Amino acid sequence: MTTPSPTARWRKSSYSNGDGGQCIEVDDAHPGHVRDSKDPSGPVLQFTPAVWASFVSAAVAGEFGAG
């Protein structure tokens, strides 16, 4: 984990509306960087771009269930 980069471009999923604040943000400037949307100054998880792409592909394919 690390602190947010000053060059970060954080984005929340369009699917996060109405979720009660239970979502993450991803950094478009640094693929694989993820943070808790409720704590923007908090720690950042860092995944390699390959690991992040694998996770996103699995999530899109529904491999983690419906929540």
N, C-alpha and C. Protein backbone atom coordinates (compact mmCIF):
# COMPACT_ATOMS: atom_id res chain seq x y z
N MET A 1 0.85 -1.18 0.00
CA MET A 1 0.00 0.00 0.00
C MET A 1 0.89 1.24 0.00
N THR A 2 0.35 2.28 -0.56
CA THR A 2 1.06 3.53 -0.63
C THR A 2 0.07 4.69 -0.53
N THR A 3 0.58 5.89 -0.52
CA THR A 3 -0.29 7.07 -0.50
C THR A 3 -0.65 7.44 -1.94
N PRO A 4 -1.73 8.17 -2.14
CA PRO A 4 -2.14 8.54 -3.50
C PRO A 4 -1.08 9.36 -4.22
N SER A 5 -0.93 9.12 -5.50
CA SER A 5 0.00 9.87 -6.34
C SER A 5 -0.60 11.23 -6.69
N PRO A 6 0.23 12.28 -6.75
CA PRO A 6 -0.31 13.59 -7.15
C PRO A 6 -0.76 13.62 -8.61
N THR A 7 -0.34 12.65 -9.41
CA THR A 7 -0.74 12.61 -10.82
C THR A 7 -1.91 11.66 -11.06
N ALA A 8 -2.50 11.16 -9.99
CA ALA A 8 -3.60 10.21 -10.12
C ALA A 8 -4.82 10.85 -10.77
N ARG A 9 -5.56 10.02 -11.51
CA ARG A 9 -6.85 10.43 -12.10
C ARG A 9 -7.88 9.40 -11.65
N TRP A 10 -8.49 9.66 -10.50
CA TRP A 10 -9.40 8.69 -9.88
C TRP A 10 -10.75 8.70 -10.55
N ARG A 11 -11.31 7.49 -10.67
CA ARG A 11 -12.62 7.33 -11.31
C ARG A 11 -13.39 6.25 -10.55
N LYS A 12 -14.66 6.55 -10.33
CA LYS A 12 -15.57 5.60 -9.71
C LYS A 12 -16.42 4.97 -10.80
N SER A 13 -16.77 3.71 -10.62
CA SER A 13 -17.59 3.02 -11.60
C SER A 13 -18.95 3.70 -11.75
N SER A 14 -19.46 3.71 -12.97
CA SER A 14 -20.80 4.25 -13.20
C SER A 14 -21.85 3.38 -12.52
N TYR A 15 -21.50 2.16 -12.17
CA TYR A 15 -22.42 1.26 -11.48
C TYR A 15 -22.48 1.54 -9.98
N SER A 16 -21.69 2.48 -9.48
CA SER A 16 -21.64 2.73 -8.04
C SER A 16 -22.73 3.65 -7.54
N ASN A 17 -23.50 4.27 -8.41
CA ASN A 17 -24.58 5.17 -7.97
C ASN A 17 -25.58 4.42 -7.12
N GLY A 18 -25.91 5.02 -5.96
CA GLY A 18 -26.91 4.41 -5.10
C GLY A 18 -26.39 3.23 -4.30
N ASP A 19 -25.08 3.08 -4.19
CA ASP A 19 -24.53 1.93 -3.48
C ASP A 19 -24.30 2.21 -2.01
N GLY A 20 -24.65 3.39 -1.53
CA GLY A 20 -24.43 3.72 -0.13
C GLY A 20 -22.97 3.97 0.21
N GLY A 21 -22.15 4.27 -0.79
CA GLY A 21 -20.75 4.57 -0.54
C GLY A 21 -19.84 3.36 -0.47
N GLN A 22 -20.34 2.20 -0.82
CA GLN A 22 -19.56 0.97 -0.74
C GLN A 22 -18.89 0.67 -2.07
N CYS A 23 -17.89 1.47 -2.43
CA CYS A 23 -17.26 1.22 -3.72
C CYS A 23 -15.79 1.61 -3.67
N ILE A 24 -15.11 1.30 -4.73
CA ILE A 24 -13.72 1.67 -4.87
C ILE A 24 -13.57 2.64 -6.03
N GLU A 25 -12.42 3.27 -6.09
CA GLU A 25 -12.05 4.10 -7.22
C GLU A 25 -10.79 3.53 -7.83
N VAL A 26 -10.67 3.65 -9.13
CA VAL A 26 -9.46 3.20 -9.81
C VAL A 26 -8.76 4.42 -10.40
N ASP A 27 -7.46 4.32 -10.52
CA ASP A 27 -6.64 5.41 -11.02
C ASP A 27 -6.35 5.16 -12.50
N ASP A 28 -6.96 5.96 -13.36
CA ASP A 28 -6.75 5.80 -14.80
C ASP A 28 -5.31 6.11 -15.22
N ALA A 29 -4.60 6.91 -14.44
CA ALA A 29 -3.21 7.25 -14.77
C ALA A 29 -2.23 6.15 -14.37
N HIS A 30 -2.64 5.29 -13.45
CA HIS A 30 -1.76 4.22 -12.96
C HIS A 30 -2.58 2.93 -12.86
N PRO A 31 -2.67 2.16 -13.94
CA PRO A 31 -3.48 0.93 -13.94
C PRO A 31 -3.08 0.00 -12.78
N GLY A 32 -4.10 -0.47 -12.08
CA GLY A 32 -3.86 -1.36 -10.95
C GLY A 32 -3.85 -0.67 -9.61
N HIS A 33 -3.97 0.67 -9.57
CA HIS A 33 -4.03 1.39 -8.31
C HIS A 33 -5.50 1.57 -7.94
N VAL A 34 -5.83 1.21 -6.70
CA VAL A 34 -7.22 1.18 -6.24
C VAL A 34 -7.28 1.81 -4.85
N ARG A 35 -8.36 2.54 -4.56
CA ARG A 35 -8.53 3.09 -3.22
C ARG A 35 -10.00 3.03 -2.81
N ASP A 36 -10.25 3.19 -1.54
CA ASP A 36 -11.59 3.24 -0.98
C ASP A 36 -12.17 4.63 -1.27
N SER A 37 -13.32 4.68 -1.92
CA SER A 37 -13.90 5.98 -2.28
C SER A 37 -14.29 6.81 -1.07
N LYS A 38 -14.50 6.18 0.08
CA LYS A 38 -14.86 6.92 1.29
C LYS A 38 -13.65 7.53 1.99
N ASP A 39 -12.44 7.13 1.57
CA ASP A 39 -11.21 7.61 2.21
C ASP A 39 -10.19 8.02 1.14
N PRO A 40 -10.47 9.11 0.41
CA PRO A 40 -9.61 9.47 -0.71
C PRO A 40 -8.18 9.81 -0.33
N SER A 41 -7.92 10.18 0.90
CA SER A 41 -6.55 10.46 1.31
C SER A 41 -5.90 9.26 1.98
N GLY A 42 -6.61 8.15 2.03
CA GLY A 42 -6.10 6.95 2.66
C GLY A 42 -5.17 6.17 1.75
N PRO A 43 -4.84 4.95 2.17
CA PRO A 43 -3.88 4.14 1.42
C PRO A 43 -4.42 3.70 0.06
N VAL A 44 -3.48 3.39 -0.81
CA VAL A 44 -3.79 2.92 -2.16
C VAL A 44 -3.24 1.52 -2.31
N LEU A 45 -4.08 0.60 -2.76
CA LEU A 45 -3.61 -0.74 -3.09
C LEU A 45 -3.04 -0.71 -4.49
N GLN A 46 -1.92 -1.41 -4.68
CA GLN A 46 -1.29 -1.43 -5.98
C GLN A 46 -1.20 -2.87 -6.47
N PHE A 47 -1.76 -3.11 -7.64
CA PHE A 47 -1.68 -4.40 -8.31
C PHE A 47 -0.92 -4.19 -9.61
N THR A 48 -0.25 -5.22 -10.09
CA THR A 48 0.38 -5.08 -11.40
C THR A 48 -0.73 -4.94 -12.42
N PRO A 49 -0.46 -4.28 -13.54
CA PRO A 49 -1.50 -4.16 -14.57
C PRO A 49 -2.05 -5.52 -15.02
N ALA A 50 -1.22 -6.54 -15.10
CA ALA A 50 -1.68 -7.86 -15.52
C ALA A 50 -2.63 -8.48 -14.50
N VAL A 51 -2.31 -8.35 -13.23
CA VAL A 51 -3.18 -8.88 -12.17
C VAL A 51 -4.50 -8.12 -12.15
N TRP A 52 -4.44 -6.80 -12.29
CA TRP A 52 -5.67 -5.99 -12.29
C TRP A 52 -6.55 -6.36 -13.48
N ALA A 53 -5.95 -6.51 -14.66
CA ALA A 53 -6.72 -6.89 -15.86
C ALA A 53 -7.37 -8.25 -15.67
N SER A 54 -6.68 -9.17 -15.04
CA SER A 54 -7.24 -10.50 -14.77
C SER A 54 -8.43 -10.40 -13.81
N PHE A 55 -8.30 -9.58 -12.77
CA PHE A 55 -9.40 -9.39 -11.82
C PHE A 55 -10.62 -8.78 -12.51
N VAL A 56 -10.39 -7.73 -13.30
CA VAL A 56 -11.51 -7.08 -13.99
C VAL A 56 -12.19 -8.05 -14.94
N SER A 57 -11.43 -8.84 -15.68
CA SER A 57 -12.00 -9.82 -16.60
C SER A 57 -12.86 -10.85 -15.85
N ALA A 58 -12.36 -11.30 -14.71
CA ALA A 58 -13.11 -12.27 -13.90
C ALA A 58 -14.38 -11.65 -13.35
N ALA A 59 -14.32 -10.40 -12.91
CA ALA A 59 -15.51 -9.73 -12.39
C ALA A 59 -16.55 -9.55 -13.47
N VAL A 60 -16.12 -9.13 -14.65
CA VAL A 60 -17.05 -8.95 -15.78
C VAL A 60 -17.70 -10.27 -16.16
N ALA A 61 -16.92 -11.36 -16.05
CA ALA A 61 -17.45 -12.70 -16.41
C ALA A 61 -18.36 -13.28 -15.31
N GLY A 62 -18.48 -12.57 -14.17
CA GLY A 62 -19.36 -13.03 -13.10
C GLY A 62 -18.76 -14.12 -12.23
N GLU A 63 -17.45 -14.24 -12.21
CA GLU A 63 -16.80 -15.31 -11.45
C GLU A 63 -16.87 -15.13 -9.94
N PHE A 64 -17.29 -13.96 -9.47
CA PHE A 64 -17.34 -13.70 -8.04
C PHE A 64 -18.76 -13.70 -7.49
N GLY A 65 -19.72 -14.08 -8.28
CA GLY A 65 -21.10 -14.12 -7.84
C GLY A 65 -21.78 -12.76 -7.96
N ALA A 66 -22.97 -12.69 -7.48
CA ALA A 66 -23.78 -11.47 -7.63
C ALA A 66 -23.71 -10.57 -6.41
N GLY A 67 -22.85 -10.85 -5.47
CA GLY A 67 -22.70 -9.97 -4.32
C GLY A 67 -23.46 -10.49 -3.18
